[in-house]
Amino acid sequence: MESPVRASRQVMVCNTAGLHARPCHAIASTALGFQSDLEVACEGRRANGKSILELMTLDAARGKLLEFHAQGPDAEGLVEALERLVASGFGEPG
């Protein structure tokens, strides 16, 4: 039996408002399009990456590091998609 595929990335929150409802929705919506499980961490706090409410508890402000930890058949694709999403500033100014 093969061991599960795991992938991780660290990205810096670059949009001015940080992780508020809209970026949390964007992360969760992206993650829900993949089979892999996702955990997101920031400064020791952890959240299910497919839950908007849990993501909001991370309270990640601009300049904070987010850690994405995915496990499953498409884990690498999931963390790559999230890396691009965060780098784009979630489509927000600044």
PDB file of N, CA and C in Angstrom:
ATOM      1  N   MET A   1       0.843  -1.184   0.000  1.00  0.00           N
ATOM      2  CA  MET A   1       0.000   0.000   0.000  1.00  0.00           C
ATOM      3  C   MET A   1       0.890   1.251   0.000  1.00  0.00           C
ATOM      4  N   GLU A   2       0.576   2.181  -0.873  1.00  0.00           N
ATOM      5  CA  GLU A   2       1.354   3.414  -0.973  1.00  0.00           C
ATOM      6  C   GLU A   2       1.016   4.360   0.176  1.00  0.00           C
ATOM      7  N   SER A   3       2.031   5.110   0.610  1.00  0.00           N
ATOM      8  CA  SER A   3       1.762   6.118   1.630  1.00  0.00           C
ATOM      9  C   SER A   3       1.104   7.323   0.967  1.00  0.00           C
ATOM     10  N   PRO A   4       0.288   8.065   1.717  1.00  0.00           N
ATOM     11  CA  PRO A   4      -0.417   9.207   1.133  1.00  0.00           C
ATOM     12  C   PRO A   4       0.558  10.289   0.664  1.00  0.00           C
ATOM     13  N   VAL A   5       0.171  10.973  -0.388  1.00  0.00           N
ATOM     14  CA  VAL A   5       0.967  12.074  -0.908  1.00  0.00           C
ATOM     15  C   VAL A   5       0.768  13.281   0.007  1.00  0.00           C
ATOM     16  N   ARG A   6       1.877  13.919   0.347  1.00  0.00           N
ATOM     17  CA  ARG A   6       1.831  15.117   1.194  1.00  0.00           C
ATOM     18  C   ARG A   6       2.558  16.244   0.479  1.00  0.00           C
ATOM     19  N   ALA A   7       2.062  17.452   0.686  1.00  0.00           N
ATOM     20  CA  ALA A   7       2.718  18.628   0.125  1.00  0.00           C
ATOM     21  C   ALA A   7       2.500  19.795   1.081  1.00  0.00           C
ATOM     22  N   SER A   8       3.480  20.666   1.174  1.00  0.00           N
ATOM     23  CA  SER A   8       3.394  21.831   2.058  1.00  0.00           C
ATOM     24  C   SER A   8       3.961  23.055   1.358  1.00  0.00           C
ATOM     25  N   ARG A   9       3.469  24.211   1.753  1.00  0.00           N
ATOM     26  CA  ARG A   9       3.989  25.483   1.256  1.00  0.00           C
ATOM     27  C   ARG A   9       3.851  26.522   2.363  1.00  0.00           C
ATOM     28  N   GLN A  10       4.769  27.472   2.386  1.00  0.00           N
ATOM     29  CA  GLN A  10       4.645  28.652   3.232  1.00  0.00           C
ATOM     30  C   GLN A  10       4.489  29.855   2.318  1.00  0.00           C
ATOM     31  N   VAL A  11       3.513  30.675   2.622  1.00  0.00           N
ATOM     32  CA  VAL A  11       3.270  31.882   1.824  1.00  0.00           C
ATOM     33  C   VAL A  11       2.986  33.051   2.759  1.00  0.00           C
ATOM     34  N   MET A  12       3.363  34.239   2.330  1.00  0.00           N
ATOM     35  CA  MET A  12       3.112  35.431   3.129  1.00  0.00           C
ATOM     36  C   MET A  12       1.827  36.106   2.677  1.00  0.00           C
ATOM     37  N   VAL A  13       1.002  36.480   3.627  1.00  0.00           N
ATOM     38  CA  VAL A  13      -0.226  37.219   3.327  1.00  0.00           C
ATOM     39  C   VAL A  13       0.193  38.603   2.851  1.00  0.00           C
ATOM     40  N   CYS A  14      -0.208  38.970   1.630  1.00  0.00           N
ATOM     41  CA  CYS A  14       0.259  40.240   1.068  1.00  0.00           C
ATOM     42  C   CYS A  14      -0.853  41.254   0.826  1.00  0.00           C
ATOM     43  N   ASN A  15      -2.123  40.828   0.964  1.00  0.00           N
ATOM     44  CA  ASN A  15      -3.180  41.824   0.772  1.00  0.00           C
ATOM     45  C   ASN A  15      -3.336  42.670   2.034  1.00  0.00           C
ATOM     46  N   THR A  16      -3.735  43.909   1.880  1.00  0.00           N
ATOM     47  CA  THR A  16      -3.777  44.877   2.969  1.00  0.00           C
ATOM     48  C   THR A  16      -4.628  44.429   4.147  1.00  0.00           C
ATOM     49  N   ALA A  17      -5.800  43.862   3.886  1.00  0.00           N
ATOM     50  CA  ALA A  17      -6.738  43.522   4.958  1.00  0.00           C
ATOM     51  C   ALA A  17      -6.464  42.166   5.603  1.00  0.00           C
ATOM     52  N   GLY A  18      -5.502  41.410   5.093  1.00  0.00           N
ATOM     53  CA  GLY A  18      -5.213  40.105   5.669  1.00  0.00           C
ATOM     54  C   GLY A  18      -6.311  39.093   5.394  1.00  0.00           C
ATOM     55  N   LEU A  19      -6.392  38.096   6.251  1.00  0.00           N
ATOM     56  CA  LEU A  19      -7.348  37.001   6.054  1.00  0.00           C
ATOM     57  C   LEU A  19      -8.692  37.352   6.685  1.00  0.00           C
ATOM     58  N   HIS A  20      -9.552  37.985   5.925  1.00  0.00           N
ATOM     59  CA  HIS A  20     -10.918  38.265   6.372  1.00  0.00           C
ATOM     60  C   HIS A  20     -11.845  37.308   5.626  1.00  0.00           C
ATOM     61  N   ALA A  21     -13.138  37.547   5.666  1.00  0.00           N
ATOM     62  CA  ALA A  21     -14.116  36.575   5.136  1.00  0.00           C
ATOM     63  C   ALA A  21     -13.887  36.223   3.662  1.00  0.00           C
ATOM     64  N   ARG A  22     -13.653  37.201   2.814  1.00  0.00           N
ATOM     65  CA  ARG A  22     -13.515  36.904   1.384  1.00  0.00           C
ATOM     66  C   ARG A  22     -12.292  36.036   1.069  1.00  0.00           C
ATOM     67  N   PRO A  23     -11.104  36.365   1.580  1.00  0.00           N
ATOM     68  CA  PRO A  23      -9.967  35.473   1.341  1.00  0.00           C
ATOM     69  C   PRO A  23     -10.165  34.079   1.948  1.00  0.00           C
ATOM     70  N   CYS A  24     -10.789  34.006   3.110  1.00  0.00           N
ATOM     71  CA  CYS A  24     -11.059  32.697   3.718  1.00  0.00           C
ATOM     72  C   CYS A  24     -11.991  31.886   2.829  1.00  0.00           C
ATOM     73  N   HIS A  25     -12.988  32.543   2.265  1.00  0.00           N
ATOM     74  CA  HIS A  25     -13.904  31.870   1.335  1.00  0.00           C
ATOM     75  C   HIS A  25     -13.141  31.393   0.101  1.00  0.00           C
ATOM     76  N   ALA A  26     -12.226  32.224  -0.396  1.00  0.00           N
ATOM     77  CA  ALA A  26     -11.450  31.854  -1.586  1.00  0.00           C
ATOM     78  C   ALA A  26     -10.567  30.637  -1.305  1.00  0.00           C
ATOM     79  N   ILE A  27      -9.951  30.590  -0.136  1.00  0.00           N
ATOM     80  CA  ILE A  27      -9.109  29.436   0.224  1.00  0.00           C
ATOM     81  C   ILE A  27      -9.969  28.182   0.329  1.00  0.00           C
ATOM     82  N   ALA A  28     -11.068  28.275   1.080  1.00  0.00           N
ATOM     83  CA  ALA A  28     -11.930  27.107   1.279  1.00  0.00           C
ATOM     84  C   ALA A  28     -12.534  26.635  -0.041  1.00  0.00           C
ATOM     85  N   SER A  29     -12.981  27.555  -0.872  1.00  0.00           N
ATOM     86  CA  SER A  29     -13.571  27.177  -2.163  1.00  0.00           C
ATOM     87  C   SER A  29     -12.546  26.486  -3.049  1.00  0.00           C
ATOM     88  N   THR A  30     -11.333  27.004  -3.064  1.00  0.00           N
ATOM     89  CA  THR A  30     -10.264  26.370  -3.842  1.00  0.00           C
ATOM     90  C   THR A  30     -10.002  24.966  -3.308  1.00  0.00           C
ATOM     91  N   ALA A  31      -9.876  24.846  -2.001  1.00  0.00           N
ATOM     92  CA  ALA A  31      -9.576  23.552  -1.380  1.00  0.00           C
ATOM     93  C   ALA A  31     -10.680  22.526  -1.634  1.00  0.00           C
ATOM     94  N   LEU A  32     -11.922  22.976  -1.644  1.00  0.00           N
ATOM     95  CA  LEU A  32     -13.043  22.058  -1.866  1.00  0.00           C
ATOM     96  C   LEU A  32     -13.048  21.479  -3.278  1.00  0.00           C
ATOM     97  N   GLY A  33     -12.320  22.104  -4.188  1.00  0.00           N
ATOM     98  CA  GLY A  33     -12.204  21.592  -5.548  1.00  0.00           C
ATOM     99  C   GLY A  33     -11.181  20.465  -5.684  1.00  0.00           C
ATOM    100  N   PHE A  34     -10.538  20.099  -4.579  1.00  0.00           N
ATOM    101  CA  PHE A  34      -9.527  19.047  -4.572  1.00  0.00           C
ATOM    102  C   PHE A  34      -9.956  17.947  -3.613  1.00  0.00           C
ATOM    103  N   GLN A  35      -9.459  16.737  -3.847  1.00  0.00           N
ATOM    104  CA  GLN A  35      -9.775  15.613  -2.971  1.00  0.00           C
ATOM    105  C   GLN A  35      -8.969  15.642  -1.682  1.00  0.00           C
ATOM    106  N   SER A  36      -7.794  16.210  -1.718  1.00  0.00           N
ATOM    107  CA  SER A  36      -6.878  16.176  -0.572  1.00  0.00           C
ATOM    108  C   SER A  36      -7.424  16.950   0.619  1.00  0.00           C
ATOM    109  N   ASP A  37      -7.018  16.518   1.806  1.00  0.00           N
ATOM    110  CA  ASP A  37      -7.308  17.251   3.034  1.00  0.00           C
ATOM    111  C   ASP A  37      -6.340  18.414   3.127  1.00  0.00           C
ATOM    112  N   LEU A  38      -6.768  19.480   3.802  1.00  0.00           N
ATOM    113  CA  LEU A  38      -5.913  20.663   3.931  1.00  0.00           C
ATOM    114  C   LEU A  38      -5.965  21.197   5.346  1.00  0.00           C
ATOM    115  N   GLU A  39      -4.781  21.424   5.904  1.00  0.00           N
ATOM    116  CA  GLU A  39      -4.657  22.119   7.175  1.00  0.00           C
ATOM    117  C   GLU A  39      -3.886  23.396   6.900  1.00  0.00           C
ATOM    118  N   VAL A  40      -4.340  24.501   7.494  1.00  0.00           N
ATOM    119  CA  VAL A  40      -3.664  25.789   7.346  1.00  0.00           C
ATOM    120  C   VAL A  40      -3.229  26.226   8.742  1.00  0.00           C
ATOM    121  N   ALA A  41      -1.991  26.674   8.856  1.00  0.00           N
ATOM    122  CA  ALA A  41      -1.461  27.109  10.148  1.00  0.00           C
ATOM    123  C   ALA A  41      -0.899  28.521  10.043  1.00  0.00           C
ATOM    124  N   CYS A  42      -0.995  29.235  11.161  1.00  0.00           N
ATOM    125  CA  CYS A  42      -0.418  30.579  11.255  1.00  0.00           C
ATOM    126  C   CYS A  42      -0.083  30.831  12.723  1.00  0.00           C
ATOM    127  N   GLU A  43       1.192  31.041  12.995  1.00  0.00           N
ATOM    128  CA  GLU A  43       1.666  31.355  14.345  1.00  0.00           C
ATOM    129  C   GLU A  43       1.149  30.362  15.389  1.00  0.00           C
ATOM    130  N   GLY A  44       1.234  29.083  15.074  1.00  0.00           N
ATOM    131  CA  GLY A  44       0.856  28.049  16.028  1.00  0.00           C
ATOM    132  C   GLY A  44      -0.617  27.675  16.033  1.00  0.00           C
ATOM    133  N   ARG A  45      -1.453  28.475  15.398  1.00  0.00           N
ATOM    134  CA  ARG A  45      -2.880  28.148  15.298  1.00  0.00           C
ATOM    135  C   ARG A  45      -3.101  27.329  14.035  1.00  0.00           C
ATOM    136  N   ARG A  46      -4.022  26.378  14.106  1.00  0.00           N
ATOM    137  CA  ARG A  46      -4.294  25.491  12.971  1.00  0.00           C
ATOM    138  C   ARG A  46      -5.779  25.501  12.657  1.00  0.00           C
ATOM    139  N   ALA A  47      -6.085  25.316  11.351  1.00  0.00           N
ATOM    140  CA  ALA A  47      -7.479  25.306  10.920  1.00  0.00           C
ATOM    141  C   ALA A  47      -7.669  24.335   9.767  1.00  0.00           C
ATOM    142  N   ASN A  48      -8.857  23.790   9.686  1.00  0.00           N
ATOM    143  CA  ASN A  48      -9.257  22.985   8.524  1.00  0.00           C
ATOM    144  C   ASN A  48      -9.362  23.944   7.351  1.00  0.00           C
ATOM    145  N   GLY A  49      -8.602  23.712   6.298  1.00  0.00           N
ATOM    146  CA  GLY A  49      -8.574  24.610   5.152  1.00  0.00           C
ATOM    147  C   GLY A  49      -9.814  24.593   4.297  1.00  0.00           C
ATOM    148  N   LYS A  50     -10.753  23.711   4.606  1.00  0.00           N
ATOM    149  CA  LYS A  50     -12.009  23.659   3.850  1.00  0.00           C
ATOM    150  C   LYS A  50     -13.159  24.283   4.638  1.00  0.00           C
ATOM    151  N   SER A  51     -12.839  24.936   5.755  1.00  0.00           N
ATOM    152  CA  SER A  51     -13.840  25.578   6.609  1.00  0.00           C
ATOM    153  C   SER A  51     -13.565  27.074   6.713  1.00  0.00           C
ATOM    154  N   ILE A  52     -14.465  27.876   6.182  1.00  0.00           N
ATOM    155  CA  ILE A  52     -14.303  29.335   6.230  1.00  0.00           C
ATOM    156  C   ILE A  52     -14.208  29.811   7.676  1.00  0.00           C
ATOM    157  N   LEU A  53     -15.086  29.306   8.533  1.00  0.00           N
ATOM    158  CA  LEU A  53     -15.084  29.759   9.926  1.00  0.00           C
ATOM    159  C   LEU A  53     -13.796  29.411  10.644  1.00  0.00           C
ATOM    160  N   GLU A  54     -13.278  28.212  10.422  1.00  0.00           N
ATOM    161  CA  GLU A  54     -12.010  27.848  11.056  1.00  0.00           C
ATOM    162  C   GLU A  54     -10.870  28.706  10.526  1.00  0.00           C
ATOM    163  N   LEU A  55     -10.867  28.970   9.224  1.00  0.00           N
ATOM    164  CA  LEU A  55      -9.813  29.808   8.645  1.00  0.00           C
ATOM    165  C   LEU A  55      -9.820  31.208   9.248  1.00  0.00           C
ATOM    166  N   MET A  56     -10.995  31.740   9.516  1.00  0.00           N
ATOM    167  CA  MET A  56     -11.085  33.089  10.084  1.00  0.00           C
ATOM    168  C   MET A  56     -10.471  33.156  11.479  1.00  0.00           C
ATOM    169  N   THR A  57     -10.442  32.033  12.202  1.00  0.00           N
ATOM    170  CA  THR A  57      -9.855  32.041  13.545  1.00  0.00           C
ATOM    171  C   THR A  57      -8.338  32.213  13.515  1.00  0.00           C
ATOM    172  N   LEU A  58      -7.722  32.042  12.344  1.00  0.00           N
ATOM    173  CA  LEU A  58      -6.272  32.218  12.243  1.00  0.00           C
ATOM    174  C   LEU A  58      -5.863  33.677  12.410  1.00  0.00           C
ATOM    175  N   ASP A  59      -6.772  34.598  12.087  1.00  0.00           N
ATOM    176  CA  ASP A  59      -6.523  36.029  12.269  1.00  0.00           C
ATOM    177  C   ASP A  59      -5.175  36.444  11.676  1.00  0.00           C
ATOM    178  N   ALA A  60      -4.936  36.025  10.433  1.00  0.00           N
ATOM    179  CA  ALA A  60      -3.657  36.289   9.771  1.00  0.00           C
ATOM    180  C   ALA A  60      -3.658  37.660   9.107  1.00  0.00           C
ATOM    181  N   ALA A  61      -2.881  38.550   9.652  1.00  0.00           N
ATOM    182  CA  ALA A  61      -2.770  39.905   9.120  1.00  0.00           C
ATOM    183  C   ALA A  61      -1.731  39.943   7.997  1.00  0.00           C
ATOM    184  N   ARG A  62      -1.700  41.046   7.293  1.00  0.00           N
ATOM    185  CA  ARG A  62      -0.696  41.248   6.244  1.00  0.00           C
ATOM    186  C   ARG A  62       0.702  41.031   6.821  1.00  0.00           C
ATOM    187  N   GLY A  63       1.532  40.323   6.068  1.00  0.00           N
ATOM    188  CA  GLY A  63       2.899  40.065   6.485  1.00  0.00           C
ATOM    189  C   GLY A  63       3.074  38.776   7.278  1.00  0.00           C
ATOM    190  N   LYS A  64       1.979  38.145   7.689  1.00  0.00           N
ATOM    191  CA  LYS A  64       2.064  36.886   8.433  1.00  0.00           C
ATOM    192  C   LYS A  64       2.271  35.724   7.466  1.00  0.00           C
ATOM    193  N   LEU A  65       2.936  34.673   7.948  1.00  0.00           N
ATOM    194  CA  LEU A  65       3.153  33.481   7.139  1.00  0.00           C
ATOM    195  C   LEU A  65       2.027  32.486   7.354  1.00  0.00           C
ATOM    196  N   LEU A  66       1.483  32.011   6.251  1.00  0.00           N
ATOM    197  CA  LEU A  66       0.528  30.907   6.284  1.00  0.00           C
ATOM    198  C   LEU A  66       1.266  29.652   5.863  1.00  0.00           C
ATOM    199  N   GLU A  67       0.948  28.553   6.520  1.00  0.00           N
ATOM    200  CA  GLU A  67       1.509  27.263   6.143  1.00  0.00           C
ATOM    201  C   GLU A  67       0.366  26.382   5.655  1.00  0.00           C
ATOM    202  N   PHE A  68       0.477  25.894   4.440  1.00  0.00           N
ATOM    203  CA  PHE A  68      -0.503  24.975   3.873  1.00  0.00           C
ATOM    204  C   PHE A  68       0.068  23.566   3.932  1.00  0.00           C
ATOM    205  N   HIS A  69      -0.681  22.644   4.516  1.00  0.00           N
ATOM    206  CA  HIS A  69      -0.281  21.240   4.603  1.00  0.00           C
ATOM    207  C   HIS A  69      -1.406  20.399   4.013  1.00  0.00           C
ATOM    208  N   ALA A  70      -1.159  19.811   2.858  1.00  0.00           N
ATOM    209  CA  ALA A  70      -2.164  19.001   2.175  1.00  0.00           C
ATOM    210  C   ALA A  70      -1.749  17.540   2.179  1.00  0.00           C
ATOM    211  N   GLN A  71      -2.755  16.680   2.224  1.00  0.00           N
ATOM    212  CA  GLN A  71      -2.503  15.247   2.165  1.00  0.00           C
ATOM    213  C   GLN A  71      -3.596  14.601   1.339  1.00  0.00           C
ATOM    214  N   GLY A  72      -3.176  13.885   0.296  1.00  0.00           N
ATOM    215  CA  GLY A  72      -4.130  13.200  -0.571  1.00  0.00           C
ATOM    216  C   GLY A  72      -3.591  13.104  -1.985  1.00  0.00           C
ATOM    217  N   PRO A  73      -4.414  12.573  -2.882  1.00  0.00           N
ATOM    218  CA  PRO A  73      -3.935  12.285  -4.237  1.00  0.00           C
ATOM    219  C   PRO A  73      -3.539  13.509  -5.060  1.00  0.00           C
ATOM    220  N   ASP A  74      -4.107  14.665  -4.754  1.00  0.00           N
ATOM    221  CA  ASP A  74      -3.815  15.879  -5.524  1.00  0.00           C
ATOM    222  C   ASP A  74      -3.221  16.970  -4.631  1.00  0.00           C
ATOM    223  N   ALA A  75      -2.489  16.550  -3.601  1.00  0.00           N
ATOM    224  CA  ALA A  75      -1.940  17.485  -2.614  1.00  0.00           C
ATOM    225  C   ALA A  75      -1.041  18.548  -3.244  1.00  0.00           C
ATOM    226  N   GLU A  76      -0.177  18.143  -4.161  1.00  0.00           N
ATOM    227  CA  GLU A  76       0.744  19.107  -4.780  1.00  0.00           C
ATOM    228  C   GLU A  76      -0.018  20.163  -5.581  1.00  0.00           C
ATOM    229  N   GLY A  77      -1.003  19.742  -6.346  1.00  0.00           N
ATOM    230  CA  GLY A  77      -1.813  20.694  -7.106  1.00  0.00           C
ATOM    231  C   GLY A  77      -2.568  21.655  -6.207  1.00  0.00           C
ATOM    232  N   LEU A  78      -3.037  21.156  -5.068  1.00  0.00           N
ATOM    233  CA  LEU A  78      -3.771  22.003  -4.122  1.00  0.00           C
ATOM    234  C   LEU A  78      -2.871  23.093  -3.553  1.00  0.00           C
ATOM    235  N   VAL A  79      -1.708  22.739  -3.052  1.00  0.00           N
ATOM    236  CA  VAL A  79      -0.847  23.776  -2.465  1.00  0.00           C
ATOM    237  C   VAL A  79      -0.328  24.742  -3.531  1.00  0.00           C
ATOM    238  N   GLU A  80      -0.132  24.274  -4.751  1.00  0.00           N
ATOM    239  CA  GLU A  80       0.273  25.180  -5.833  1.00  0.00           C
ATOM    240  C   GLU A  80      -0.828  26.189  -6.135  1.00  0.00           C
ATOM    241  N   ALA A  81      -2.069  25.725  -6.194  1.00  0.00           N
ATOM    242  CA  ALA A  81      -3.204  26.621  -6.461  1.00  0.00           C
ATOM    243  C   ALA A  81      -3.342  27.662  -5.343  1.00  0.00           C
ATOM    244  N   LEU A  82      -3.163  27.231  -4.105  1.00  0.00           N
ATOM    245  CA  LEU A  82      -3.275  28.164  -2.981  1.00  0.00           C
ATOM    246  C   LEU A  82      -2.121  29.160  -2.951  1.00  0.00           C
ATOM    247  N   GLU A  83      -0.941  28.704  -3.321  1.00  0.00           N
ATOM    248  CA  GLU A  83       0.213  29.598  -3.388  1.00  0.00           C
ATOM    249  C   GLU A  83      -0.062  30.728  -4.400  1.00  0.00           C
ATOM    250  N   ARG A  84      -0.609  30.368  -5.556  1.00  0.00           N
ATOM    251  CA  ARG A  84      -0.949  31.382  -6.571  1.00  0.00           C
ATOM    252  C   ARG A  84      -2.045  32.331  -6.061  1.00  0.00           C
ATOM    253  N   LEU A  85      -3.040  31.769  -5.378  1.00  0.00           N
ATOM    254  CA  LEU A  85      -4.148  32.577  -4.854  1.00  0.00           C
ATOM    255  C   LEU A  85      -3.648  33.626  -3.865  1.00  0.00           C
ATOM    256  N   VAL A  86      -2.834  33.204  -2.913  1.00  0.00           N
ATOM    257  CA  VAL A  86      -2.322  34.139  -1.908  1.00  0.00           C
ATOM    258  C   VAL A  86      -1.392  35.165  -2.555  1.00  0.00           C
ATOM    259  N   ALA A  87      -0.542  34.723  -3.473  1.00  0.00           N
ATOM    260  CA  ALA A  87       0.377  35.641  -4.162  1.00  0.00           C
ATOM    261  C   ALA A  87      -0.371  36.703  -4.956  1.00  0.00           C
ATOM    262  N   SER A  88      -1.561  36.372  -5.422  1.00  0.00           N
ATOM    263  CA  SER A  88      -2.368  37.346  -6.172  1.00  0.00           C
ATOM    264  C   SER A  88      -3.042  38.361  -5.259  1.00  0.00           C
ATOM    265  N   GLY A  89      -2.865  38.197  -3.936  1.00  0.00           N
ATOM    266  CA  GLY A  89      -3.521  39.105  -2.999  1.00  0.00           C
ATOM    267  C   GLY A  89      -5.013  38.877  -2.946  1.00  0.00           C
ATOM    268  N   PHE A  90      -5.433  37.676  -3.351  1.00  0.00           N
ATOM    269  CA  PHE A  90      -6.851  37.308  -3.383  1.00  0.00           C
ATOM    270  C   PHE A  90      -7.649  38.244  -4.278  1.00  0.00           C
ATOM    271  N   GLY A  91      -6.940  38.872  -5.243  1.00  0.00           N
ATOM    272  CA  GLY A  91      -7.610  39.787  -6.165  1.00  0.00           C
ATOM    273  C   GLY A  91      -7.954  41.134  -5.550  1.00  0.00           C
ATOM    274  N   GLU A  92      -7.405  41.408  -4.367  1.00  0.00           N
ATOM    275  CA  GLU A  92      -7.682  42.678  -3.682  1.00  0.00           C
ATOM    276  C   GLU A  92      -6.544  43.653  -3.913  1.00  0.00           C
ATOM    277  N   PRO A  93      -6.815  44.955  -3.808  1.00  0.00           N
ATOM    278  CA  PRO A  93      -5.747  45.932  -3.961  1.00  0.00           C
ATOM    279  C   PRO A  93      -4.747  45.861  -2.808  1.00  0.00           C
ATOM    280  N   GLY A  94      -3.485  46.204  -3.112  1.00  0.00           N
ATOM    281  CA  GLY A  94      -2.445  46.312  -2.104  1.00  0.00           C
ATOM    282  C   GLY A  94      -2.012  45.010  -1.593  1.00  0.00           C
TER     283      GLY A  94
END
